[in-house]
C-alpha atoms as a PDB file:
ATOM      1  CA  MET A   1     -20.256   0.595  -2.727  1.00  0.00           C
ATOM      2  CA  THR A   2     -17.486   3.141  -3.055  1.00  0.00           C
ATOM      3  CA  ILE A   3     -14.492   2.984  -0.800  1.00  0.00           C
ATOM      4  CA  VAL A   4     -10.896   4.085  -0.624  1.00  0.00           C
ATOM      5  CA  LEU A   5      -8.971   0.857  -0.253  1.00  0.00           C
ATOM      6  CA  CYS A   6      -5.430   1.196   1.072  1.00  0.00           C
ATOM      7  CA  ILE A   7      -2.814  -1.533   0.600  1.00  0.00           C
ATOM      8  CA  SER A   8       0.037  -2.040   3.036  1.00  0.00           C
ATOM      9  CA  GLY A   9       2.663  -4.678   3.699  1.00  0.00           C
ATOM     10  CA  ARG A  10       6.373  -5.259   3.930  1.00  0.00           C
ATOM     11  CA  ILE A  11       8.779  -4.461   1.107  1.00  0.00           C
ATOM     12  CA  ALA A  12       8.422  -7.017  -1.730  1.00  0.00           C
ATOM     13  CA  SER A  13       5.159  -8.411  -0.324  1.00  0.00           C
ATOM     14  CA  GLY A  14       3.268  -7.701  -3.557  1.00  0.00           C
ATOM     15  CA  LYS A  15       1.481  -4.445  -2.720  1.00  0.00           C
ATOM     16  CA  SER A  16       1.738  -2.912  -6.193  1.00  0.00           C
ATOM     17  CA  VAL A  17       0.654  -6.083  -7.972  1.00  0.00           C
ATOM     18  CA  LEU A  18      -2.294  -6.505  -5.607  1.00  0.00           C
ATOM     19  CA  ALA A  19      -3.318  -2.849  -5.992  1.00  0.00           C
ATOM     20  CA  GLN A  20      -3.198  -3.095  -9.790  1.00  0.00           C
ATOM     21  CA  ARG A  21      -5.177  -6.338  -9.933  1.00  0.00           C
ATOM     22  CA  VAL A  22      -7.840  -5.204  -7.465  1.00  0.00           C
ATOM     23  CA  SER A  23      -8.297  -1.862  -9.228  1.00  0.00           C
ATOM     24  CA  ALA A  24      -8.555  -3.620 -12.607  1.00  0.00           C
ATOM     25  CA  LYS A  25     -11.158  -6.081 -11.317  1.00  0.00           C
ATOM     26  CA  LEU A  26     -13.230  -3.318  -9.701  1.00  0.00           C
ATOM     27  CA  GLY A  27     -12.686  -0.741 -12.461  1.00  0.00           C
ATOM     28  CA  TRP A  28     -11.267   1.755  -9.956  1.00  0.00           C
ATOM     29  CA  ARG A  29      -8.371   4.164 -10.221  1.00  0.00           C
ATOM     30  CA  THR A  30      -5.063   3.425  -8.527  1.00  0.00           C
ATOM     31  CA  ALA A  31      -2.941   5.839  -6.530  1.00  0.00           C
ATOM     32  CA  SER A  32       0.525   5.361  -5.087  1.00  0.00           C
ATOM     33  CA  PHE A  33       2.605   7.110  -2.462  1.00  0.00           C
ATOM     34  CA  SER A  34       5.767   5.966  -4.257  1.00  0.00           C
ATOM     35  CA  GLN A  35       4.593   7.652  -7.494  1.00  0.00           C
ATOM     36  CA  VAL A  36       4.388  10.963  -5.646  1.00  0.00           C
ATOM     37  CA  LEU A  37       7.854  10.424  -4.175  1.00  0.00           C
ATOM     38  CA  ARG A  38       9.304   9.499  -7.581  1.00  0.00           C
ATOM     39  CA  SER A  39       7.662  12.555  -9.116  1.00  0.00           C
ATOM     40  CA  THR A  40       9.206  14.743  -6.415  1.00  0.00           C
ATOM     41  CA  ALA A  41      12.625  13.185  -7.087  1.00  0.00           C
ATOM     42  CA  LEU A  42      12.221  13.817 -10.830  1.00  0.00           C
ATOM     43  CA  LYS A  43      11.311  17.470 -10.212  1.00  0.00           C
ATOM     44  CA  ARG A  44      14.565  17.721  -8.249  1.00  0.00           C
ATOM     45  CA  GLY A  45      16.526  16.310 -11.188  1.00  0.00           C
ATOM     46  CA  ASN A  46      16.857  12.755  -9.915  1.00  0.00           C
ATOM     47  CA  ALA A  47      15.391  10.492 -12.611  1.00  0.00           C
ATOM     48  CA  GLN A  48      16.512   7.258 -10.922  1.00  0.00           C
ATOM     49  CA  PRO A  49      16.187   7.688  -7.161  1.00  0.00           C
ATOM     50  CA  THR A  50      17.467   4.998  -4.821  1.00  0.00           C
ATOM     51  CA  ARG A  51      15.424   3.576  -1.947  1.00  0.00           C
ATOM     52  CA  GLU A  52      17.380   5.870   0.382  1.00  0.00           C
ATOM     53  CA  ASP A  53      16.522   8.896  -1.815  1.00  0.00           C
ATOM     54  CA  LEU A  54      12.829   7.998  -1.711  1.00  0.00           C
ATOM     55  CA  GLN A  55      12.914   7.437   2.055  1.00  0.00           C
ATOM     56  CA  ARG A  56      14.557  10.841   2.537  1.00  0.00           C
ATOM     57  CA  ILE A  57      11.958  12.539   0.314  1.00  0.00           C
ATOM     58  CA  GLY A  58       9.205  10.673   2.154  1.00  0.00           C
ATOM     59  CA  THR A  59      10.505  11.938   5.486  1.00  0.00           C
ATOM     60  CA  GLU A  60      10.562  15.499   4.112  1.00  0.00           C
ATOM     61  CA  ARG A  61       7.013  15.181   2.762  1.00  0.00           C
ATOM     62  CA  ILE A  62       5.813  13.884   6.120  1.00  0.00           C
ATOM     63  CA  GLN A  63       7.414  16.867   7.876  1.00  0.00           C
ATOM     64  CA  ASP A  64       5.484  19.159   5.517  1.00  0.00           C
ATOM     65  CA  GLY A  65       2.276  17.535   6.736  1.00  0.00           C
ATOM     66  CA  TRP A  66       0.260  14.423   6.052  1.00  0.00           C
ATOM     67  CA  ARG A  67      -2.763  16.285   4.747  1.00  0.00           C
ATOM     68  CA  GLU A  68      -0.750  17.913   1.951  1.00  0.00           C
ATOM     69  CA  PHE A  69       1.073  14.685   1.082  1.00  0.00           C
ATOM     70  CA  CYS A  70      -2.141  12.623   0.987  1.00  0.00           C
ATOM     71  CA  SER A  71      -3.963  15.323  -0.988  1.00  0.00           C
ATOM     72  CA  GLU A  72      -1.302  15.072  -3.667  1.00  0.00           C
ATOM     73  CA  VAL A  73      -1.680  11.283  -3.799  1.00  0.00           C
ATOM     74  CA  LEU A  74      -5.441  11.695  -4.344  1.00  0.00           C
ATOM     75  CA  GLU A  75      -4.980  14.486  -6.914  1.00  0.00           C
ATOM     76  CA  ARG A  76      -2.443  12.500  -8.969  1.00  0.00           C
ATOM     77  CA  ALA A  77      -4.972   9.677  -9.186  1.00  0.00           C
ATOM     78  CA  GLY A  78      -7.705  12.041 -10.327  1.00  0.00           C
ATOM     79  CA  TRP A  79      -9.935  10.747  -7.529  1.00  0.00           C
ATOM     80  CA  ARG A  80     -13.347  12.325  -6.965  1.00  0.00           C
ATOM     81  CA  ALA A  81     -15.860  11.791  -4.180  1.00  0.00           C
ATOM     82  CA  GLY A  82     -18.170   8.897  -4.913  1.00  0.00           C
ATOM     83  CA  GLU A  83     -15.504   6.904  -6.782  1.00  0.00           C
ATOM     84  CA  GLY A  84     -13.675   3.828  -5.581  1.00  0.00           C
ATOM     85  CA  LEU A  85      -9.896   4.078  -5.306  1.00  0.00           C
ATOM     86  CA  VAL A  86      -7.047   1.693  -4.485  1.00  0.00           C
ATOM     87  CA  ILE A  87      -4.004   3.306  -2.846  1.00  0.00           C
ATOM     88  CA  ASP A  88      -0.736   1.403  -2.927  1.00  0.00           C
ATOM     89  CA  GLY A  89       1.943   1.832  -0.296  1.00  0.00           C
ATOM     90  CA  VAL A  90       0.380   3.146   2.912  1.00  0.00           C
ATOM     91  CA  ARG A  91       3.214   2.950   5.435  1.00  0.00           C
ATOM     92  CA  HIS A  92       1.986   5.070   8.373  1.00  0.00           C
ATOM     93  CA  SER A  93      -1.081   5.241  10.592  1.00  0.00           C
ATOM     94  CA  ALA A  94      -1.058   9.025  10.196  1.00  0.00           C
ATOM     95  CA  ALA A  95      -1.420   8.597   6.422  1.00  0.00           C
ATOM     96  CA  LEU A  96      -4.458   6.408   6.974  1.00  0.00           C
ATOM     97  CA  ASP A  97      -5.917   9.028   9.340  1.00  0.00           C
ATOM     98  CA  ALA A  98      -5.280  11.889   6.882  1.00  0.00           C
ATOM     99  CA  LEU A  99      -6.791   9.923   4.005  1.00  0.00           C
ATOM    100  CA  SER A 100      -9.868   9.178   6.120  1.00  0.00           C
ATOM    101  CA  GLU A 101     -10.339  12.890   6.799  1.00  0.00           C
ATOM    102  CA  LEU A 102      -9.754  13.904   3.182  1.00  0.00           C
ATOM    103  CA  VAL A 103     -12.181  11.441   1.602  1.00  0.00           C
ATOM    104  CA  ALA A 104     -14.936  11.570   4.249  1.00  0.00           C
ATOM    105  CA  PRO A 105     -17.723  10.554   4.143  1.00  0.00           C
ATOM    106  CA  GLU A 106     -16.353   7.778   1.908  1.00  0.00           C
ATOM    107  CA  PRO A 107     -15.042   4.887   4.004  1.00  0.00           C
ATOM    108  CA  VAL A 108     -11.360   3.990   4.071  1.00  0.00           C
ATOM    109  CA  ALA A 109     -10.250   0.399   4.653  1.00  0.00           C
ATOM    110  CA  LEU A 110      -6.764  -1.003   5.002  1.00  0.00           C
ATOM    111  CA  VAL A 111      -5.778  -4.330   3.437  1.00  0.00           C
ATOM    112  CA  PHE A 112      -2.542  -5.722   4.811  1.00  0.00           C
ATOM    113  CA  ILE A 113      -0.436  -8.300   2.984  1.00  0.00           C
ATOM    114  CA  ASN A 114       1.062 -10.641   5.544  1.00  0.00           C
ATOM    115  CA  ALA A 115       4.457 -11.800   4.300  1.00  0.00           C
ATOM    116  CA  SER A 116       6.866 -14.073   6.095  1.00  0.00           C
ATOM    117  CA  ASP A 117      10.615 -13.813   5.665  1.00  0.00           C
ATOM    118  CA  GLU A 118      10.476 -17.062   3.677  1.00  0.00           C
ATOM    119  CA  SER A 119       7.962 -15.668   1.193  1.00  0.00           C
ATOM    120  CA  LEU A 120       9.930 -12.436   0.780  1.00  0.00           C
ATOM    121  CA  ALA A 121      13.387 -13.976   0.311  1.00  0.00           C
ATOM    122  CA  PRO A 122      12.998 -14.884  -3.397  1.00  0.00           C
ATOM    123  CA  ARG A 123      11.541 -11.450  -4.226  1.00  0.00           C
ATOM    124  CA  LEU A 124      14.117  -9.217  -2.539  1.00  0.00           C
ATOM    125  CA  LYS A 125      16.681  -9.033  -5.346  1.00  0.00           C
ATOM    126  CA  SER A 126      14.032  -7.519  -7.658  1.00  0.00           C
ATOM    127  CA  LYS A 127      13.841  -4.664  -5.135  1.00  0.00           C
ATOM    128  CA  GLY A 128      17.619  -4.216  -4.967  1.00  0.00           C
ATOM    129  CA  ILE A 129      17.865  -5.913  -1.575  1.00  0.00           C
ATOM    130  CA  GLN A 130      20.507  -8.601  -1.253  1.00  0.00           C
ATOM    131  CA  ASP A 131      19.196 -10.621   1.702  1.00  0.00           C
ATOM    132  CA  LEU A 132      16.918 -10.705   4.733  1.00  0.00           C
ATOM    133  CA  GLY A 133      19.577  -9.001   6.870  1.00  0.00           C
ATOM    134  CA  GLN A 134      19.539  -5.967   4.586  1.00  0.00           C
ATOM    135  CA  LEU A 135      15.727  -6.000   4.629  1.00  0.00           C
ATOM    136  CA  THR A 136      15.718  -5.992   8.434  1.00  0.00           C
ATOM    137  CA  ALA A 137      18.013  -2.954   8.421  1.00  0.00           C
ATOM    138  CA  ILE A 138      15.795  -1.130   5.900  1.00  0.00           C
ATOM    139  CA  GLU A 139      12.696  -1.905   7.973  1.00  0.00           C
ATOM    140  CA  GLN A 140      14.225   0.046  10.868  1.00  0.00           C
ATOM    141  CA  ASP A 141      13.916   3.298   8.893  1.00  0.00           C
ATOM    142  CA  SER A 142      11.178   5.627  10.144  1.00  0.00           C
ATOM    143  CA  THR A 143       9.400   5.224   6.801  1.00  0.00           C
ATOM    144  CA  GLU A 144       9.028   1.461   7.364  1.00  0.00           C
ATOM    145  CA  ARG A 145       8.695   0.898  11.131  1.00  0.00           C
ATOM    146  CA  GLU A 146       4.912   1.138  11.437  1.00  0.00           C
ATOM    147  CA  VAL A 147       4.222  -1.368   8.679  1.00  0.00           C
ATOM    148  CA  THR A 148       4.543  -4.504  10.808  1.00  0.00           C
ATOM    149  CA  THR A 149       3.278  -2.972  14.036  1.00  0.00           C
ATOM    150  CA  ASP A 150       0.572  -0.299  13.895  1.00  0.00           C
ATOM    151  CA  LEU A 151      -0.727  -0.950  10.395  1.00  0.00           C
ATOM    152  CA  VAL A 152      -1.180  -4.693  10.683  1.00  0.00           C
ATOM    153  CA  ASP A 153      -3.265  -4.001  13.802  1.00  0.00           C
ATOM    154  CA  ARG A 154      -5.417  -1.460  11.921  1.00  0.00           C
ATOM    155  CA  ALA A 155      -6.058  -3.674   8.912  1.00  0.00           C
ATOM    156  CA  ALA A 156      -9.666  -4.446   8.110  1.00  0.00           C
ATOM    157  CA  LEU A 157      -8.482  -7.411   6.043  1.00  0.00           C
ATOM    158  CA  VAL A 158      -5.245  -9.423   6.060  1.00  0.00           C
ATOM    159  CA  VAL A 159      -4.292 -11.509   3.020  1.00  0.00           C
ATOM    160  CA  GLU A 160      -1.393 -13.941   2.805  1.00  0.00           C
ATOM    161  CA  SER A 161       1.443 -13.238   0.359  1.00  0.00           C
ATOM    162  CA  GLU A 162       1.993 -16.975  -0.070  1.00  0.00           C
ATOM    163  CA  ASN A 163      -1.210 -17.054  -2.148  1.00  0.00           C
ATOM    164  CA  ASP A 164      -0.829 -16.225  -5.806  1.00  0.00           C
ATOM    165  CA  PRO A 165      -1.629 -12.593  -6.740  1.00  0.00           C
ATOM    166  CA  ASN A 166      -4.873 -13.515  -8.521  1.00  0.00           C
ATOM    167  CA  SER A 167      -6.179 -15.385  -5.471  1.00  0.00           C
ATOM    168  CA  MET A 168      -5.267 -12.464  -3.207  1.00  0.00           C
ATOM    169  CA  ALA A 169      -7.016 -10.027  -5.540  1.00  0.00           C
ATOM    170  CA  GLU A 170     -10.111 -12.241  -5.756  1.00  0.00           C
ATOM    171  CA  SER A 171     -10.259 -12.396  -1.953  1.00  0.00           C
ATOM    172  CA  VAL A 172     -10.084  -8.620  -1.665  1.00  0.00           C
ATOM    173  CA  VAL A 173     -12.640  -8.017  -4.422  1.00  0.00           C
ATOM    174  CA  SER A 174     -15.021 -10.563  -2.891  1.00  0.00           C
ATOM    175  CA  TRP A 175     -14.660  -8.899   0.503  1.00  0.00           C
ATOM    176  CA  VAL A 176     -15.334  -5.438  -0.962  1.00  0.00           C
ATOM    177  CA  LYS A 177     -18.379  -6.650  -2.884  1.00  0.00           C
ATOM    178  CA  LYS A 178     -19.785  -8.266   0.269  1.00  0.00           C
ATOM    179  CA  GLY A 179     -19.666  -4.874   1.952  1.00  0.00           C
ATOM    180  CA  MET A 180     -16.505  -5.607   3.922  1.00  0.00           C
ATOM    181  CA  SER A 181     -18.598  -7.189   6.661  1.00  0.00           C
ATOM    182  CA  SER A 182     -16.446 -10.249   7.266  1.00  0.00           C
ATOM    183  CA  PRO A 183     -13.161 -11.680   6.034  1.00  0.00           C
ATOM    184  CA  PRO A 184     -13.402 -13.521   2.713  1.00  0.00           C
ATOM    185  CA  GLU A 185     -13.333 -17.265   2.421  1.00  0.00           C
ATOM    186  CA  PRO A 186      -9.844 -18.686   1.797  1.00  0.00           C
ATOM    187  CA  PRO A 187      -9.090 -19.068  -1.923  1.00  0.00           C
ATOM    188  CA  ALA A 188      -9.979 -22.396  -3.537  1.00  0.00           C
ATOM    189  CA  GLY A 189      -7.106 -24.811  -3.196  1.00  0.00           C
ATOM    190  CA  GLY A 190      -5.727 -23.070  -0.078  1.00  0.00           C
ATOM    191  CA  ARG A 191      -2.147 -21.888  -0.070  1.00  0.00           C
END
């Protein structure tokens, strides 16, 4: 089965790691919204953009239209109809809608990484975030707001960030291979 699998979740929840591991296990290409934003920043002469720079560029790209933005994500990945693809970093329902239109008739499914504050706390510094208070402030930005509201509700599958990345990836791969008909069994050994 071919599908465009989108990964979403809070900052530092493990989206990129999950996307890479799932794509490796399935032999699919990976695409990333953040790669497109970083490429845009580089074209503008900013080789090391901050989170704020990327959020500003993201807002600009959204104003130019979701279809164009999502088309560039697909093009950068070299995706072609009939191929599976894992897209890292879906942060808006409108992106999911645009992707669904662009890849039709291929199905699009959203996997959401559920991450508690406790599971995120040790990972924040690697993202340049000092504490949960700063994370809460960042999550109020328009580029982050839908992640914990609209997108979690639209997810076809929710995985727990407390599980190790290999277990999360195995759960997603198992679910995809079963035709995405029901949630996967919890990983052996639980959390």
